[in-house]
Amino acid sequence: MSTISEYVAANRERFIDELIHLLRHPSVSADSAYSQDVLNTAEAVAEALRDAGCDAVEVCETEGYPIIYGEKNVSEDLPTVLVYGHYDVQPPDPLDLWETAPFEPEIRKTALHPEGAIFARGASDDKGQFFMHIKALEYMVRHNALPCNVKFMIEGEEEVGSTSLSAFVQANREKLANDVILISDTGMIDRDVPSITTGLRGLSYVEVAVTGPNRDLHSGLYGGAVANPINILAKMIASLHDEDNRITIPGFYDKVRELNPKERELLAEAPFRLEAYKAALDIDAVYGEKGYTTNERNAIRPTLDVNGIWGGYTGEGAKTVIPSKAHAKISMRLVPDQDWKEITELFASHFRKIAPAGVRVEVRPHHGGQAYVTPMDHIGYQAASLAYAETFGKKPVPQRGGGSIPIVALFEKELQSKTILMGFGLDSDAIHSPNEHYGLYNYLKGIETIPHFYRHYTALAQSGA
């Protein structure tokens, strides 16, 4: 029987080709123009699970896009791992900033990825990462090395708020019953510094509209006499932060937990090079809430950011108008104890209150989710730590993640199990941005590491650790 590292080496090109095939599917869940492509991707994922050795695979219909369920049972006396991932991807816009077409994957060598990286939308988020688990299962099944039961739940709406997932989980608690949940939708500190994400921020995402006159107006005839919704919206947004970059919404920080000095000291142990960070982003200074480091700002502190803003004339040339409406999309990343629904209400109330006379304000919530923390004394975390140490030759560093996976809190509530965030991406993968990519080293190293998690987790569970 070959080892997992030998198996990965022997099947390297096939594993890469199969991922490239999956990445060619433009599974953009946010745009209905891609609906058939998303459905085709769901079928491709189901077929991949069958090929890998699942005993049963279902394409489960929902009110939105299908959820793919698969399972491989070894024994009722053994623990069960539930693997979650998502096959939908972010829109590829703006297309003109991509060096190659977003759904025509290309392998390119870079300074960080001398072995090459696959450039394509969804390469790291999350097709490349969940596909590692399917290939790891393939190895374990073919070599009779699967030490426990495994279930897969791969959805198609994560990038639009996992709209159908809650109802599916609630209706299928028995089917999805597990001892631990495993997700690879996060990253590592560096390619040679393995890390396990121990916490995620929550999310509140809203869209706002400011309406002034009942039509666009001539800026010469009406300028200075009628409220300009774009001007007003810009002022309102600017007022949401004070001079220390703290959010000014009343009550916003009421439930924010301050980390004690020891906790901040542990967080600071994660390797971080500020100059390299700035160079990678081509900025000459960092920016954020006063009194916190960069790593603290993007992990343990809540934030408010404008994700898009528009209104008036934006075409070629000039058109002198005062627009009737102005719009913005705003996201707030939240920390443990902040309830996303409560924060959404606080935002909506405050934003309406600060609007001046002469305009009307609408706040439309999109989606959100709660923050999450995984205890480091859980056997799932311990198993992941042992697995990383085995393949990378060093103990992984725990880190808090700045992003959000809202369904993690849902899983704990409905399935009563903890989630282990075992990601292999890098911050430089440009997820959600043009030229998203995933290093071949990371992809193949993930396939190599995952079977060790199963072995260590099963041993710890059976020992009663």
Protein backbone atom coordinates (compact mmCIF):
# COMPACT_ATOMS: atom_id res chain seq x y z
CA MET A 1 0.00 0.00 0.00
CA SER A 2 1.39 3.40 -0.96
CA THR A 3 1.48 6.22 1.57
CA ILE A 4 -0.62 9.32 1.02
CA SER A 5 2.46 11.32 0.02
CA GLU A 6 3.38 8.64 -2.55
CA TYR A 7 -0.18 8.56 -3.84
CA VAL A 8 -0.26 12.35 -4.26
CA ALA A 9 3.06 12.29 -6.09
CA ALA A 10 1.90 9.51 -8.41
CA ASN A 11 -1.43 11.23 -9.19
CA ARG A 12 -0.25 14.85 -9.17
CA GLU A 13 -1.11 15.71 -12.77
CA ARG A 14 -4.50 14.01 -12.62
CA PHE A 15 -5.42 15.83 -9.42
CA ILE A 16 -4.50 19.15 -11.05
CA ASP A 17 -6.38 18.36 -14.28
CA GLU A 18 -9.51 17.37 -12.38
CA LEU A 19 -9.49 20.61 -10.40
CA ILE A 20 -8.98 22.62 -13.59
CA HIS A 21 -12.01 20.87 -15.10
CA LEU A 22 -14.12 21.87 -12.08
CA LEU A 23 -12.86 25.46 -12.21
CA ARG A 24 -14.01 25.83 -15.82
CA HIS A 25 -17.62 25.77 -14.57
CA PRO A 26 -18.67 29.44 -14.01
CA SER A 27 -20.80 28.72 -10.93
CA VAL A 28 -21.65 32.33 -9.99
CA SER A 29 -24.59 32.07 -7.61
CA ALA A 30 -25.20 35.83 -7.40
CA ASP A 31 -26.05 36.21 -11.10
CA SER A 32 -29.05 34.38 -12.57
CA ALA A 33 -27.37 34.42 -15.97
CA TYR A 34 -25.15 31.61 -14.64
CA SER A 35 -28.00 29.47 -13.27
CA GLN A 36 -27.46 26.52 -15.59
CA ASP A 37 -23.73 26.67 -15.00
CA VAL A 38 -24.28 26.44 -11.24
CA LEU A 39 -26.53 23.41 -11.73
CA ASN A 40 -23.94 21.79 -14.00
CA THR A 41 -21.31 22.35 -11.31
CA ALA A 42 -23.52 20.63 -8.74
CA GLU A 43 -23.70 17.56 -10.98
CA ALA A 44 -19.91 17.63 -11.46
CA VAL A 45 -19.37 17.67 -7.69
CA ALA A 46 -21.79 14.76 -7.23
CA GLU A 47 -19.92 12.76 -9.87
CA ALA A 48 -16.59 13.50 -8.20
CA LEU A 49 -17.92 12.17 -4.88
CA ARG A 50 -19.14 8.99 -6.58
CA ASP A 51 -15.79 8.47 -8.27
CA ALA A 52 -13.96 9.00 -4.96
CA GLY A 53 -15.86 6.14 -3.33
CA CYS A 54 -18.93 7.50 -1.55
CA ASP A 55 -21.55 4.78 -0.95
CA ALA A 56 -24.42 7.17 -1.55
CA VAL A 57 -24.54 10.56 -3.26
CA GLU A 58 -27.61 12.79 -3.52
CA VAL A 59 -28.25 16.03 -5.38
CA CYS A 60 -30.66 17.52 -2.85
CA GLU A 61 -33.04 20.10 -4.28
CA THR A 62 -33.70 23.29 -2.31
CA GLU A 63 -35.56 26.50 -3.00
CA GLY A 64 -32.29 27.75 -4.44
CA TYR A 65 -29.35 25.76 -5.75
CA PRO A 66 -28.85 22.07 -4.87
CA ILE A 67 -26.89 20.81 -1.90
CA ILE A 68 -24.71 17.81 -2.69
CA TYR A 69 -24.70 15.12 -0.02
CA GLY A 70 -22.41 12.11 0.03
CA GLU A 71 -21.40 9.53 2.59
CA LYS A 72 -19.02 6.64 3.15
CA ASN A 73 -19.85 4.44 6.13
CA VAL A 74 -17.30 2.19 7.79
CA SER A 75 -18.95 1.22 11.07
CA GLU A 76 -21.63 2.54 13.40
CA ASP A 77 -19.12 2.07 16.23
CA LEU A 78 -16.74 4.64 14.73
CA PRO A 79 -16.95 8.46 14.82
CA THR A 80 -18.32 10.45 11.89
CA VAL A 81 -16.71 13.47 10.24
CA LEU A 82 -18.90 15.88 8.25
CA VAL A 83 -17.07 17.81 5.54
CA TYR A 84 -18.61 21.10 4.40
CA GLY A 85 -17.72 23.16 1.35
CA HIS A 86 -19.31 25.29 -1.35
CA TYR A 87 -19.18 24.97 -5.12
CA ASP A 88 -20.49 28.45 -5.95
CA VAL A 89 -18.09 31.33 -6.57
CA GLN A 90 -18.00 35.11 -6.45
CA PRO A 91 -18.74 37.14 -9.62
CA PRO A 92 -15.52 37.62 -11.59
CA ASP A 93 -15.95 41.38 -12.13
CA PRO A 94 -14.11 43.57 -12.98
CA LEU A 95 -13.09 41.40 -15.93
CA ASP A 96 -10.57 43.88 -17.35
CA LEU A 97 -8.33 43.39 -14.30
CA TRP A 98 -7.86 39.68 -14.89
CA GLU A 99 -4.62 38.74 -16.62
CA THR A 100 -6.32 35.62 -17.99
CA ALA A 101 -10.01 34.74 -18.31
CA PRO A 102 -11.48 33.87 -14.88
CA PHE A 103 -13.03 30.59 -16.03
CA GLU A 104 -10.17 29.48 -18.24
CA PRO A 105 -7.73 28.25 -15.58
CA GLU A 106 -4.05 28.84 -16.18
CA ILE A 107 -1.05 27.62 -14.20
CA ARG A 108 1.58 30.30 -13.68
CA LYS A 109 4.75 30.32 -11.60
CA THR A 110 5.24 33.20 -9.17
CA ALA A 111 7.83 34.16 -6.57
CA LEU A 112 5.57 32.77 -3.84
CA HIS A 113 4.55 29.73 -5.89
CA PRO A 114 7.64 28.47 -7.76
CA GLU A 115 5.81 25.17 -8.40
CA GLY A 116 2.97 27.11 -9.97
CA ALA A 117 -0.50 28.31 -8.99
CA ILE A 118 -3.86 27.84 -10.68
CA PHE A 119 -5.34 31.23 -11.62
CA ALA A 120 -9.14 31.07 -11.87
CA ARG A 121 -12.23 32.24 -10.03
CA GLY A 122 -12.97 29.77 -7.23
CA ALA A 123 -9.48 28.26 -7.24
CA SER A 124 -8.97 28.94 -3.53
CA ASP A 125 -12.52 29.91 -2.51
CA ASP A 126 -13.66 27.20 -2.32
CA LYS A 127 -13.38 24.68 -5.15
CA GLY A 128 -9.69 23.95 -4.71
CA GLN A 129 -10.09 23.56 -0.98
CA PHE A 130 -13.14 21.29 -0.82
CA PHE A 131 -11.81 19.23 -3.74
CA MET A 132 -8.80 18.32 -1.56
CA HIS A 133 -11.18 16.43 0.71
CA ILE A 134 -12.65 14.48 -2.19
CA LYS A 135 -9.19 13.44 -3.37
CA ALA A 136 -8.17 12.54 0.19
CA LEU A 137 -11.25 10.32 0.43
CA GLU A 138 -10.28 8.69 -2.86
CA TYR A 139 -6.94 7.68 -1.41
CA MET A 140 -8.41 6.38 1.85
CA VAL A 141 -11.10 4.32 0.10
CA ARG A 142 -8.78 2.83 -2.51
CA HIS A 143 -6.23 1.86 0.13
CA ASN A 144 -8.75 0.70 2.75
CA ALA A 145 -7.38 3.43 5.01
CA LEU A 146 -10.55 5.30 6.00
CA PRO A 147 -10.58 4.95 9.82
CA CYS A 148 -14.06 6.38 10.43
CA ASN A 149 -17.28 7.41 8.72
CA VAL A 150 -17.40 10.51 6.53
CA LYS A 151 -20.21 12.66 5.18
CA PHE A 152 -20.05 15.50 2.67
CA MET A 153 -22.34 18.52 2.36
CA ILE A 154 -21.31 20.81 -0.50
CA GLU A 155 -23.67 23.74 -1.12
CA GLY A 156 -24.15 26.23 -3.94
CA GLU A 157 -25.22 29.42 -2.17
CA GLU A 158 -22.43 30.31 0.26
CA GLU A 159 -21.47 33.43 -1.67
CA VAL A 160 -25.05 34.74 -1.43
CA GLY A 161 -25.63 34.00 2.24
CA SER A 162 -26.39 30.24 2.26
CA THR A 163 -30.07 31.07 1.90
CA SER A 164 -31.29 27.47 1.61
CA LEU A 165 -28.84 25.83 3.99
CA SER A 166 -30.60 26.54 7.29
CA ALA A 167 -33.84 24.84 6.23
CA PHE A 168 -31.88 21.91 4.80
CA VAL A 169 -29.89 21.38 7.99
CA GLN A 170 -32.98 21.65 10.19
CA ALA A 171 -34.83 19.12 8.02
CA ASN A 172 -31.92 16.67 7.88
CA ARG A 173 -30.43 16.61 11.38
CA GLU A 174 -30.34 12.80 11.47
CA LYS A 175 -28.80 12.50 8.01
CA LEU A 176 -26.14 15.07 8.92
CA ALA A 177 -25.44 13.74 12.44
CA ASN A 178 -21.72 13.81 13.13
CA ASP A 179 -19.03 14.02 15.80
CA VAL A 180 -17.05 16.86 14.25
CA ILE A 181 -17.31 19.14 11.22
CA LEU A 182 -14.33 19.79 8.98
CA ILE A 183 -14.13 22.86 6.74
CA SER A 184 -11.36 24.05 4.44
CA ASP A 185 -12.44 27.57 3.50
CA THR A 186 -9.78 29.48 5.42
CA GLY A 187 -6.03 29.90 5.12
CA MET A 188 -2.57 29.53 6.60
CA ILE A 189 -0.24 32.29 7.75
CA ASP A 190 2.34 31.38 5.11
CA ARG A 191 3.15 28.42 2.89
CA ASP A 192 5.79 27.27 5.36
CA VAL A 193 3.87 28.34 8.47
CA PRO A 194 0.84 26.06 8.93
CA SER A 195 -1.96 27.47 11.04
CA ILE A 196 -5.43 26.57 12.22
CA THR A 197 -8.17 29.19 12.32
CA THR A 198 -9.66 29.16 15.82
CA GLY A 199 -12.24 31.90 15.30
CA LEU A 200 -14.22 33.73 12.64
CA ARG A 201 -15.90 37.09 12.67
CA GLY A 202 -19.62 37.42 12.18
CA LEU A 203 -21.21 39.46 9.41
CA SER A 204 -23.99 41.94 8.77
CA TYR A 205 -24.44 42.98 5.14
CA VAL A 206 -26.81 45.77 4.15
CA GLU A 207 -27.67 47.93 1.17
CA VAL A 208 -28.66 51.56 1.60
CA ALA A 209 -30.39 54.02 -0.71
CA VAL A 210 -30.71 57.79 -0.35
CA THR A 211 -33.43 59.40 -2.43
CA GLY A 212 -33.79 63.14 -3.06
CA PRO A 213 -35.81 64.70 -5.90
CA ASN A 214 -38.22 62.62 -7.95
CA ARG A 215 -35.93 62.70 -11.01
CA ASP A 216 -32.39 63.60 -12.03
CA LEU A 217 -32.02 67.38 -12.15
CA HIS A 218 -29.89 69.86 -14.12
CA SER A 219 -27.01 70.73 -11.79
CA GLY A 220 -26.92 74.31 -13.06
CA LEU A 221 -30.60 75.01 -12.50
CA TYR A 222 -30.92 73.16 -9.18
CA GLY A 223 -27.39 72.85 -7.78
CA GLY A 224 -27.08 74.39 -4.33
CA ALA A 225 -30.85 74.50 -3.85
CA VAL A 226 -31.73 70.79 -3.67
CA ALA A 227 -30.06 68.06 -1.61
CA ASN A 228 -27.74 65.95 -3.75
CA PRO A 229 -28.18 62.30 -2.67
CA ILE A 230 -24.57 61.40 -3.54
CA ASN A 231 -23.20 64.29 -1.46
CA ILE A 232 -25.50 63.37 1.40
CA LEU A 233 -24.67 59.67 1.24
CA ALA A 234 -20.93 60.43 1.23
CA LYS A 235 -21.29 62.60 4.34
CA MET A 236 -23.42 59.99 6.12
CA ILE A 237 -20.92 57.22 5.39
CA ALA A 238 -17.99 59.42 6.46
CA SER A 239 -19.69 60.04 9.80
CA LEU A 240 -19.80 56.32 10.60
CA HIS A 241 -16.17 56.46 11.83
CA ASP A 242 -14.58 58.94 14.21
CA GLU A 243 -11.04 60.36 14.12
CA ASP A 244 -9.73 57.16 15.79
CA ASN A 245 -11.50 55.00 13.21
CA ARG A 246 -13.96 53.71 15.76
CA ILE A 247 -17.49 53.07 14.55
CA THR A 248 -19.89 55.74 15.76
CA ILE A 249 -23.15 53.75 15.78
CA PRO A 250 -24.56 53.98 19.34
CA GLY A 251 -24.44 50.59 21.08
CA PHE A 252 -22.19 49.03 18.43
CA TYR A 253 -19.42 48.10 20.90
CA ASP A 254 -21.64 47.25 23.88
CA LYS A 255 -21.07 43.49 23.59
CA VAL A 256 -17.55 43.51 22.17
CA ARG A 257 -15.24 41.42 24.34
CA GLU A 258 -11.81 42.95 24.94
CA LEU A 259 -9.03 40.38 24.89
CA ASN A 260 -6.84 40.35 27.97
CA PRO A 261 -3.09 41.06 27.66
CA LYS A 262 -2.22 37.34 27.67
CA GLU A 263 -4.63 36.62 24.80
CA ARG A 264 -3.25 39.52 22.79
CA GLU A 265 0.27 38.28 23.50
CA LEU A 266 -0.59 34.83 22.09
CA LEU A 267 -2.13 36.43 19.01
CA ALA A 268 1.05 38.44 18.49
CA GLU A 269 3.11 35.24 18.27
CA ALA A 270 1.81 34.63 14.76
CA PRO A 271 4.54 35.54 12.24
CA PHE A 272 3.81 38.88 10.60
CA ARG A 273 6.02 41.20 8.57
CA LEU A 274 4.47 44.64 8.31
CA GLU A 275 6.75 45.84 5.50
CA ALA A 276 6.04 42.71 3.45
CA TYR A 277 2.31 43.17 4.10
CA LYS A 278 2.43 46.75 2.80
CA ALA A 279 4.57 45.80 -0.17
CA ALA A 280 2.18 43.02 -1.19
CA LEU A 281 -0.69 45.51 -1.25
CA ASP A 282 1.36 48.37 -2.72
CA ILE A 283 0.46 50.72 0.13
CA ASP A 284 2.76 52.98 2.13
CA ALA A 285 0.86 52.77 5.45
CA VAL A 286 -1.70 50.63 7.23
CA TYR A 287 -4.96 52.08 8.48
CA GLY A 288 -7.48 51.20 11.16
CA GLU A 289 -8.77 51.51 14.69
CA LYS A 290 -6.39 53.31 17.03
CA GLY A 291 -4.75 51.22 19.72
CA TYR A 292 -4.67 47.90 17.85
CA THR A 293 -2.17 46.14 15.63
CA THR A 294 -2.88 45.18 12.03
CA ASN A 295 -3.45 41.52 12.97
CA GLU A 296 -5.81 42.57 15.76
CA ARG A 297 -7.73 44.94 13.51
CA ASN A 298 -8.44 42.26 10.95
CA ALA A 299 -9.28 39.46 13.37
CA ILE A 300 -10.49 40.42 16.86
CA ARG A 301 -12.01 43.86 16.22
CA PRO A 302 -15.31 44.65 14.49
CA THR A 303 -15.28 46.71 11.31
CA LEU A 304 -17.56 48.62 8.96
CA ASP A 305 -16.69 48.93 5.28
CA VAL A 306 -18.35 50.25 2.14
CA ASN A 307 -18.21 47.50 -0.49
CA GLY A 308 -19.75 49.47 -3.33
CA ILE A 309 -21.19 52.94 -3.97
CA TRP A 310 -22.96 54.32 -7.00
CA GLY A 311 -25.40 56.92 -8.32
CA GLY A 312 -25.75 59.60 -10.99
CA TYR A 313 -23.93 59.52 -14.30
CA THR A 314 -20.88 57.26 -14.57
CA GLY A 315 -20.61 56.86 -18.33
CA GLU A 316 -18.07 58.33 -20.70
CA GLY A 317 -17.83 62.10 -20.92
CA ALA A 318 -19.86 64.55 -18.84
CA LYS A 319 -23.48 64.82 -17.85
CA THR A 320 -24.25 67.57 -15.36
CA VAL A 321 -26.97 66.12 -13.18
CA ILE A 322 -28.02 66.01 -9.56
CA PRO A 323 -29.06 62.37 -9.25
CA SER A 324 -32.36 61.31 -7.82
CA LYS A 325 -30.79 58.42 -5.93
CA ALA A 326 -27.50 57.20 -4.49
CA HIS A 327 -26.74 53.68 -3.26
CA ALA A 328 -24.13 51.83 -1.24
CA LYS A 329 -23.47 48.29 -0.03
CA ILE A 330 -22.01 48.07 3.46
CA SER A 331 -20.62 45.12 5.41
CA MET A 332 -19.87 44.92 9.10
CA ARG A 333 -17.55 42.21 10.43
CA LEU A 334 -18.48 41.28 13.97
CA VAL A 335 -16.76 39.58 16.91
CA PRO A 336 -18.06 37.05 19.49
CA ASP A 337 -21.12 38.18 21.49
CA GLN A 338 -22.19 40.70 18.83
CA ASP A 339 -25.50 39.47 17.40
CA TRP A 340 -25.67 40.22 13.69
CA LYS A 341 -29.42 40.87 13.69
CA GLU A 342 -29.10 43.29 16.60
CA ILE A 343 -26.22 45.10 14.88
CA THR A 344 -28.23 45.33 11.67
CA GLU A 345 -31.05 47.01 13.57
CA LEU A 346 -28.65 49.40 15.31
CA PHE A 347 -27.16 50.35 11.95
CA ALA A 348 -30.54 50.87 10.28
CA SER A 349 -31.86 53.01 13.12
CA HIS A 350 -28.73 55.16 13.26
CA PHE A 351 -28.43 55.59 9.50
CA ARG A 352 -32.01 56.80 9.20
CA LYS A 353 -31.52 59.14 12.16
CA ILE A 354 -28.48 60.91 10.70
CA ALA A 355 -30.16 61.64 7.36
CA PRO A 356 -30.83 65.38 6.90
CA ALA A 357 -34.13 66.85 5.76
CA GLY A 358 -34.66 66.74 2.01
CA VAL A 359 -33.82 63.07 1.48
CA ARG A 360 -35.37 59.71 2.28
CA VAL A 361 -33.31 56.73 3.44
CA GLU A 362 -33.92 53.04 2.89
CA VAL A 363 -31.87 50.30 4.57
CA ARG A 364 -32.24 46.79 3.16
CA PRO A 365 -30.54 43.92 5.04
CA HIS A 366 -29.05 41.23 2.80
CA HIS A 367 -27.63 38.49 5.02
CA GLY A 368 -25.44 37.86 8.03
CA GLY A 369 -24.16 35.40 10.59
CA GLN A 370 -22.67 35.05 14.03
CA ALA A 371 -19.01 34.96 15.01
CA TYR A 372 -17.50 31.63 16.04
CA VAL A 373 -14.64 30.36 18.21
CA THR A 374 -13.25 26.78 18.28
CA PRO A 375 -11.78 25.71 21.64
CA MET A 376 -8.17 24.57 21.31
CA ASP A 377 -8.69 21.74 23.80
CA HIS A 378 -11.22 20.03 21.49
CA ILE A 379 -9.96 16.71 20.07
CA GLY A 380 -10.77 17.95 16.57
CA TYR A 381 -8.32 20.81 16.99
CA GLN A 382 -5.75 18.46 18.50
CA ALA A 383 -6.13 16.04 15.58
CA ALA A 384 -5.73 18.85 13.05
CA SER A 385 -2.62 20.09 14.88
CA LEU A 386 -1.07 16.61 14.76
CA ALA A 387 -1.94 16.25 11.07
CA TYR A 388 -0.30 19.55 10.09
CA ALA A 389 2.77 18.74 12.17
CA GLU A 390 3.10 15.42 10.38
CA THR A 391 3.13 16.85 6.86
CA PHE A 392 4.73 20.27 7.44
CA GLY A 393 7.22 19.17 10.06
CA LYS A 394 6.16 21.84 12.52
CA LYS A 395 3.30 22.51 14.92
CA PRO A 396 0.63 24.81 13.43
CA VAL A 397 -0.01 28.27 14.85
CA PRO A 398 -3.55 29.06 16.06
CA GLN A 399 -4.98 32.24 14.53
CA ARG A 400 -8.21 34.19 14.47
CA GLY A 401 -9.68 34.67 11.01
CA GLY A 402 -10.97 38.02 9.82
CA GLY A 403 -13.51 36.57 7.42
CA SER A 404 -16.91 35.09 8.06
CA ILE A 405 -18.49 31.70 7.47
CA PRO A 406 -21.96 32.34 8.92
CA ILE A 407 -23.07 28.72 8.69
CA VAL A 408 -20.53 27.58 11.31
CA ALA A 409 -22.63 28.96 14.15
CA LEU A 410 -25.71 27.42 12.52
CA PHE A 411 -24.04 24.00 12.51
CA GLU A 412 -23.24 24.17 16.20
CA LYS A 413 -26.80 25.19 17.03
CA GLU A 414 -28.56 22.61 14.87
CA LEU A 415 -26.10 19.69 14.81
CA GLN A 416 -24.54 20.14 18.27
CA SER A 417 -20.99 19.66 17.01
CA LYS A 418 -17.83 21.73 16.77
CA THR A 419 -16.21 22.87 13.55
CA ILE A 420 -12.50 22.58 12.77
CA LEU A 421 -11.31 25.17 10.24
CA MET A 422 -8.50 23.40 8.45
CA GLY A 423 -7.66 25.72 5.56
CA PHE A 424 -4.70 25.72 3.18
CA GLY A 425 -5.14 29.01 1.31
CA LEU A 426 -3.00 32.12 1.68
CA ASP A 427 -3.98 35.76 2.19
CA SER A 428 -2.33 36.47 -1.16
CA ASP A 429 -4.69 34.13 -3.05
CA ALA A 430 -6.81 37.16 -4.07
CA ILE A 431 -10.12 35.51 -3.24
CA HIS A 432 -13.10 37.67 -4.26
CA SER A 433 -10.67 39.70 -6.41
CA PRO A 434 -9.35 39.56 -9.96
CA ASN A 435 -6.60 36.98 -10.52
CA GLU A 436 -7.69 34.66 -7.72
CA HIS A 437 -5.32 31.72 -7.51
CA TYR A 438 -4.37 28.69 -5.45
CA GLY A 439 -0.85 27.36 -5.13
CA LEU A 440 -0.29 23.82 -6.37
CA TYR A 441 1.89 23.23 -3.31
CA ASN A 442 -0.99 24.20 -1.00
CA TYR A 443 -3.52 22.13 -2.93
CA LEU A 444 -1.42 18.95 -2.95
CA LYS A 445 -0.23 19.49 0.63
CA GLY A 446 -3.85 19.69 1.71
CA ILE A 447 -4.66 16.36 0.09
CA GLU A 448 -1.66 14.88 1.87
CA THR A 449 -2.60 16.30 5.28
CA ILE A 450 -6.33 15.50 5.46
CA PRO A 451 -6.04 11.68 5.84
CA HIS A 452 -3.78 12.22 8.85
CA PHE A 453 -6.57 14.24 10.46
CA TYR A 454 -8.95 11.28 10.13
CA ARG A 455 -6.42 8.89 11.63
CA HIS A 456 -5.55 11.13 14.59
CA TYR A 457 -9.16 12.14 15.23
CA THR A 458 -10.36 8.53 15.30
CA ALA A 459 -7.54 7.51 17.64
CA LEU A 460 -8.24 10.39 20.03
CA ALA A 461 -12.00 9.73 19.98
CA GLN A 462 -11.53 6.04 20.72
CA SER A 463 -9.04 6.73 23.50
CA GLY A 464 -11.55 9.01 25.21
CA ALA A 465 -9.17 11.97 25.05
